[in-house]
Amino acid sequence: MKLIEQRGESNDMKKNVARAFVAGVVLASVTAFAGGTNSTSSGSAKGGQTQKQDQGRLQASGSALEQKGTRLQESLPGTVQQAVQEMQQAREKYQQQMQEKRKELTASTDEERQRLREQLREVVREQARDREQLRERLQSLRESLPSHQQLMEQAREQVQQRERRGD
């Protein structure tokens, strides 16, 4: 019994330490924010450096927080958590691809840009040809199918033939 009470006290102590830590972080953040908003123009250069450092820390901690997740995310079913992770990976992959494209665009010469434009134009032309072929195929399929009126006439004829057989 004594051991159970000690474990309970240990858990309470851990919770209190965690609460104190969070309160300290919040207090430090509020103090830093208040100090940053009340700075004078003479300290603006120093404040700018501090702001950049804070942004860097925030970005670094942001990715850690995303990985850690919240209690709500942890309580979600495994399939949902997996889907969220897949979407995050897809987002990161897309962002990396966009960065690579931007680098290519800035590093490319006018000739390379012109070549890329020509390639894009050719792709657009091919897509237009494919769309036209699809339209023609759809039209031929529509023509090969009987119309509603034709189907109704066939159905009437079949009913009349059945009635004649029954007579």
C-alpha atoms as a PDB file:
ATOM      1  CA  MET A   1       0.000   0.000   0.000  1.00  0.00           C
ATOM      2  CA  LYS A   2       2.835   2.312   0.893  1.00  0.00           C
ATOM      3  CA  LEU A   3       4.474   1.626  -2.470  1.00  0.00           C
ATOM      4  CA  ILE A   4       1.294   2.599  -4.329  1.00  0.00           C
ATOM      5  CA  GLU A   5       1.080   5.867  -2.389  1.00  0.00           C
ATOM      6  CA  GLN A   6       4.728   6.622  -3.202  1.00  0.00           C
ATOM      7  CA  ARG A   7       4.088   6.018  -6.913  1.00  0.00           C
ATOM      8  CA  GLY A   8       1.081   8.327  -6.796  1.00  0.00           C
ATOM      9  CA  GLU A   9       3.164  11.021  -5.114  1.00  0.00           C
ATOM     10  CA  SER A  10       5.910  10.504  -7.715  1.00  0.00           C
ATOM     11  CA  ASN A  11       3.389  10.967 -10.549  1.00  0.00           C
ATOM     12  CA  ASP A  12       2.027  14.094  -8.846  1.00  0.00           C
ATOM     13  CA  MET A  13       5.553  15.468  -8.527  1.00  0.00           C
ATOM     14  CA  LYS A  14       6.213  14.808 -12.200  1.00  0.00           C
ATOM     15  CA  LYS A  15       3.015  16.584 -13.155  1.00  0.00           C
ATOM     16  CA  ASN A  16       3.913  19.552 -10.948  1.00  0.00           C
ATOM     17  CA  VAL A  17       7.390  19.776 -12.476  1.00  0.00           C
ATOM     18  CA  ALA A  18       5.883  19.676 -15.972  1.00  0.00           C
ATOM     19  CA  ARG A  19       3.366  22.383 -15.072  1.00  0.00           C
ATOM     20  CA  ALA A  20       6.110  24.568 -13.602  1.00  0.00           C
ATOM     21  CA  PHE A  21       8.198  24.107 -16.741  1.00  0.00           C
ATOM     22  CA  VAL A  22       5.306  25.046 -19.018  1.00  0.00           C
ATOM     23  CA  ALA A  23       4.473  28.061 -16.849  1.00  0.00           C
ATOM     24  CA  GLY A  24       8.119  29.166 -17.013  1.00  0.00           C
ATOM     25  CA  VAL A  25       8.195  28.845 -20.792  1.00  0.00           C
ATOM     26  CA  VAL A  26       4.959  30.796 -21.127  1.00  0.00           C
ATOM     27  CA  LEU A  27       6.205  33.479 -18.738  1.00  0.00           C
ATOM     28  CA  ALA A  28       9.504  33.758 -20.615  1.00  0.00           C
ATOM     29  CA  SER A  29       7.673  34.007 -23.946  1.00  0.00           C
ATOM     30  CA  VAL A  30       5.340  36.696 -22.686  1.00  0.00           C
ATOM     31  CA  THR A  31       8.232  38.623 -21.161  1.00  0.00           C
ATOM     32  CA  ALA A  32      10.260  38.386 -24.372  1.00  0.00           C
ATOM     33  CA  PHE A  33       7.297  39.458 -26.459  1.00  0.00           C
ATOM     34  CA  ALA A  34       6.538  42.393 -24.162  1.00  0.00           C
ATOM     35  CA  GLY A  35      10.195  43.416 -24.174  1.00  0.00           C
ATOM     36  CA  GLY A  36      10.270  43.229 -27.971  1.00  0.00           C
ATOM     37  CA  THR A  37       7.207  45.439 -28.392  1.00  0.00           C
ATOM     38  CA  ASN A  38       8.481  48.090 -25.983  1.00  0.00           C
ATOM     39  CA  SER A  39      11.948  48.397 -27.518  1.00  0.00           C
ATOM     40  CA  THR A  40      13.167  51.801 -28.596  1.00  0.00           C
ATOM     41  CA  SER A  41      14.679  52.723 -31.931  1.00  0.00           C
ATOM     42  CA  SER A  42      18.209  52.645 -30.474  1.00  0.00           C
ATOM     43  CA  GLY A  43      17.854  48.944 -29.711  1.00  0.00           C
ATOM     44  CA  SER A  44      16.135  48.023 -32.951  1.00  0.00           C
ATOM     45  CA  ALA A  45      19.212  46.362 -34.455  1.00  0.00           C
ATOM     46  CA  LYS A  46      19.613  44.189 -31.404  1.00  0.00           C
ATOM     47  CA  GLY A  47      15.873  43.539 -31.368  1.00  0.00           C
ATOM     48  CA  GLY A  48      15.991  42.489 -35.017  1.00  0.00           C
ATOM     49  CA  GLN A  49      18.678  39.917 -34.274  1.00  0.00           C
ATOM     50  CA  THR A  50      16.689  38.623 -31.333  1.00  0.00           C
ATOM     51  CA  GLN A  51      13.584  38.410 -33.475  1.00  0.00           C
ATOM     52  CA  LYS A  52      15.419  36.408 -36.135  1.00  0.00           C
ATOM     53  CA  GLN A  53      16.774  34.055 -33.472  1.00  0.00           C
ATOM     54  CA  ASP A  54      13.291  33.640 -32.028  1.00  0.00           C
ATOM     55  CA  GLN A  55      11.871  32.873 -35.469  1.00  0.00           C
ATOM     56  CA  GLY A  56      14.566  30.253 -36.007  1.00  0.00           C
ATOM     57  CA  ARG A  57      13.815  28.669 -32.645  1.00  0.00           C
ATOM     58  CA  LEU A  58      10.102  28.763 -33.370  1.00  0.00           C
ATOM     59  CA  GLN A  59      10.565  27.015 -36.703  1.00  0.00           C
ATOM     60  CA  ALA A  60      12.811  24.387 -35.114  1.00  0.00           C
ATOM     61  CA  SER A  61      10.365  23.775 -32.285  1.00  0.00           C
ATOM     62  CA  GLY A  62       7.425  23.782 -34.708  1.00  0.00           C
ATOM     63  CA  SER A  63       8.692  20.684 -36.495  1.00  0.00           C
ATOM     64  CA  ALA A  64       9.345  19.000 -33.142  1.00  0.00           C
ATOM     65  CA  LEU A  65       5.809  19.791 -32.052  1.00  0.00           C
ATOM     66  CA  GLU A  66       4.377  18.393 -35.289  1.00  0.00           C
ATOM     67  CA  GLN A  67       6.270  15.162 -34.763  1.00  0.00           C
ATOM     68  CA  LYS A  68       5.279  14.901 -31.135  1.00  0.00           C
ATOM     69  CA  GLY A  69       1.615  15.572 -31.765  1.00  0.00           C
ATOM     70  CA  THR A  70      -1.072  16.471 -29.330  1.00  0.00           C
ATOM     71  CA  ARG A  71      -3.191  14.323 -27.065  1.00  0.00           C
ATOM     72  CA  LEU A  72      -6.031  14.639 -29.534  1.00  0.00           C
ATOM     73  CA  GLN A  73      -3.892  13.340 -32.371  1.00  0.00           C
ATOM     74  CA  GLU A  74      -2.637  10.491 -30.204  1.00  0.00           C
ATOM     75  CA  SER A  75      -6.199   9.457 -29.421  1.00  0.00           C
ATOM     76  CA  LEU A  76      -7.108   9.185 -33.114  1.00  0.00           C
ATOM     77  CA  PRO A  77      -7.318   5.730 -34.710  1.00  0.00           C
ATOM     78  CA  GLY A  78      -4.157   4.368 -36.269  1.00  0.00           C
ATOM     79  CA  THR A  79      -5.474   4.654 -39.813  1.00  0.00           C
ATOM     80  CA  VAL A  80      -6.203   8.346 -39.346  1.00  0.00           C
ATOM     81  CA  GLN A  81      -2.784   8.957 -37.814  1.00  0.00           C
ATOM     82  CA  GLN A  82      -1.199   7.117 -40.728  1.00  0.00           C
ATOM     83  CA  ALA A  83      -3.184   9.196 -43.220  1.00  0.00           C
ATOM     84  CA  VAL A  84      -2.069  12.394 -41.487  1.00  0.00           C
ATOM     85  CA  GLN A  85       1.552  11.284 -41.637  1.00  0.00           C
ATOM     86  CA  GLU A  86       1.235  10.410 -45.322  1.00  0.00           C
ATOM     87  CA  MET A  87      -0.242  13.829 -46.070  1.00  0.00           C
ATOM     88  CA  GLN A  88       2.563  15.529 -44.154  1.00  0.00           C
ATOM     89  CA  GLN A  89       5.138  13.533 -46.114  1.00  0.00           C
ATOM     90  CA  ALA A  90       3.420  14.391 -49.374  1.00  0.00           C
ATOM     91  CA  ARG A  91       3.376  18.076 -48.391  1.00  0.00           C
ATOM     92  CA  GLU A  92       7.080  18.008 -47.564  1.00  0.00           C
ATOM     93  CA  LYS A  93       7.862  16.246 -50.836  1.00  0.00           C
ATOM     94  CA  TYR A  94       5.825  18.804 -52.787  1.00  0.00           C
ATOM     95  CA  GLN A  95       7.561  21.693 -51.016  1.00  0.00           C
ATOM     96  CA  GLN A  96      10.962  20.199 -51.821  1.00  0.00           C
ATOM     97  CA  GLN A  97       9.988  19.812 -55.469  1.00  0.00           C
ATOM     98  CA  MET A  98       8.845  23.427 -55.583  1.00  0.00           C
ATOM     99  CA  GLN A  99      12.133  24.577 -54.069  1.00  0.00           C
ATOM    100  CA  GLU A 100      14.043  22.573 -56.676  1.00  0.00           C
ATOM    101  CA  LYS A 101      11.965  24.092 -59.481  1.00  0.00           C
ATOM    102  CA  ARG A 102      12.588  27.592 -58.134  1.00  0.00           C
ATOM    103  CA  LYS A 103      16.315  26.887 -58.021  1.00  0.00           C
ATOM    104  CA  GLU A 104      16.206  25.556 -61.583  1.00  0.00           C
ATOM    105  CA  LEU A 105      14.303  28.593 -62.747  1.00  0.00           C
ATOM    106  CA  THR A 106      16.700  31.061 -61.168  1.00  0.00           C
ATOM    107  CA  ALA A 107      19.755  29.105 -62.343  1.00  0.00           C
ATOM    108  CA  SER A 108      18.555  28.526 -65.898  1.00  0.00           C
ATOM    109  CA  THR A 109      19.627  30.633 -68.830  1.00  0.00           C
ATOM    110  CA  ASP A 110      17.349  32.271 -71.356  1.00  0.00           C
ATOM    111  CA  GLU A 111      17.989  29.430 -73.827  1.00  0.00           C
ATOM    112  CA  GLU A 112      16.992  26.809 -71.261  1.00  0.00           C
ATOM    113  CA  ARG A 113      13.857  28.761 -70.395  1.00  0.00           C
ATOM    114  CA  GLN A 114      12.940  28.958 -74.072  1.00  0.00           C
ATOM    115  CA  ARG A 115      13.519  25.209 -74.433  1.00  0.00           C
ATOM    116  CA  LEU A 116      11.293  24.532 -71.402  1.00  0.00           C
ATOM    117  CA  ARG A 117       8.582  26.756 -72.857  1.00  0.00           C
ATOM    118  CA  GLU A 118       8.704  24.814 -76.127  1.00  0.00           C
ATOM    119  CA  GLN A 119       8.444  21.533 -74.239  1.00  0.00           C
ATOM    120  CA  LEU A 120       5.427  22.830 -72.364  1.00  0.00           C
ATOM    121  CA  ARG A 121       3.797  23.984 -75.599  1.00  0.00           C
ATOM    122  CA  GLU A 122       4.320  20.538 -77.131  1.00  0.00           C
ATOM    123  CA  VAL A 123       2.765  18.880 -74.081  1.00  0.00           C
ATOM    124  CA  VAL A 124      -0.245  21.203 -74.364  1.00  0.00           C
ATOM    125  CA  ARG A 125      -0.575  20.351 -78.073  1.00  0.00           C
ATOM    126  CA  GLU A 126      -0.493  16.625 -77.304  1.00  0.00           C
ATOM    127  CA  GLN A 127      -3.141  17.050 -74.635  1.00  0.00           C
ATOM    128  CA  ALA A 128      -5.340  18.950 -77.098  1.00  0.00           C
ATOM    129  CA  ARG A 129      -4.948  16.136 -79.659  1.00  0.00           C
ATOM    130  CA  ASP A 130      -5.835  13.555 -77.023  1.00  0.00           C
ATOM    131  CA  ARG A 131      -8.924  15.525 -76.010  1.00  0.00           C
ATOM    132  CA  GLU A 132     -10.029  15.741 -79.632  1.00  0.00           C
ATOM    133  CA  GLN A 133      -9.579  11.996 -80.076  1.00  0.00           C
ATOM    134  CA  LEU A 134     -11.604  11.380 -76.933  1.00  0.00           C
ATOM    135  CA  ARG A 135     -14.389  13.656 -78.213  1.00  0.00           C
ATOM    136  CA  GLU A 136     -14.504  11.762 -81.514  1.00  0.00           C
ATOM    137  CA  ARG A 137     -14.559   8.402 -79.751  1.00  0.00           C
ATOM    138  CA  LEU A 138     -17.335   9.575 -77.421  1.00  0.00           C
ATOM    139  CA  GLN A 139     -19.357  10.801 -80.394  1.00  0.00           C
ATOM    140  CA  SER A 140     -18.977   7.472 -82.214  1.00  0.00           C
ATOM    141  CA  LEU A 141     -20.032   5.612 -79.056  1.00  0.00           C
ATOM    142  CA  ARG A 142     -23.083   7.836 -78.690  1.00  0.00           C
ATOM    143  CA  GLU A 143     -24.012   7.212 -82.312  1.00  0.00           C
ATOM    144  CA  SER A 144     -23.681   3.454 -81.943  1.00  0.00           C
ATOM    145  CA  LEU A 145     -26.050   3.385 -78.965  1.00  0.00           C
ATOM    146  CA  PRO A 146     -29.761   3.368 -79.711  1.00  0.00           C
ATOM    147  CA  SER A 147     -31.714   6.433 -78.699  1.00  0.00           C
ATOM    148  CA  HIS A 148     -34.379   6.409 -76.029  1.00  0.00           C
ATOM    149  CA  GLN A 149     -37.098   6.554 -78.639  1.00  0.00           C
ATOM    150  CA  GLN A 150     -35.652   3.548 -80.489  1.00  0.00           C
ATOM    151  CA  LEU A 151     -35.467   1.560 -77.259  1.00  0.00           C
ATOM    152  CA  MET A 152     -39.085   2.384 -76.433  1.00  0.00           C
ATOM    153  CA  GLU A 153     -40.209   1.285 -79.908  1.00  0.00           C
ATOM    154  CA  GLN A 154     -38.336  -2.004 -79.559  1.00  0.00           C
ATOM    155  CA  ALA A 155     -39.921  -2.580 -76.159  1.00  0.00           C
ATOM    156  CA  ARG A 156     -43.413  -1.910 -77.574  1.00  0.00           C
ATOM    157  CA  GLU A 157     -42.795  -4.336 -80.426  1.00  0.00           C
ATOM    158  CA  GLN A 158     -41.679  -7.012 -77.980  1.00  0.00           C
ATOM    159  CA  VAL A 159     -44.778  -6.489 -75.858  1.00  0.00           C
ATOM    160  CA  GLN A 160     -47.018  -6.710 -78.948  1.00  0.00           C
ATOM    161  CA  GLN A 161     -45.297  -9.933 -80.029  1.00  0.00           C
ATOM    162  CA  ARG A 162     -45.871 -11.470 -76.593  1.00  0.00           C
ATOM    163  CA  GLU A 163     -49.498 -10.427 -76.692  1.00  0.00           C
ATOM    164  CA  ARG A 164     -49.927 -12.041 -80.126  1.00  0.00           C
ATOM    165  CA  ARG A 165     -48.409 -15.269 -78.879  1.00  0.00           C
ATOM    166  CA  GLY A 166     -50.749 -15.203 -75.943  1.00  0.00           C
ATOM    167  CA  ASP A 167     -53.796 -14.654 -78.201  1.00  0.00           C
END
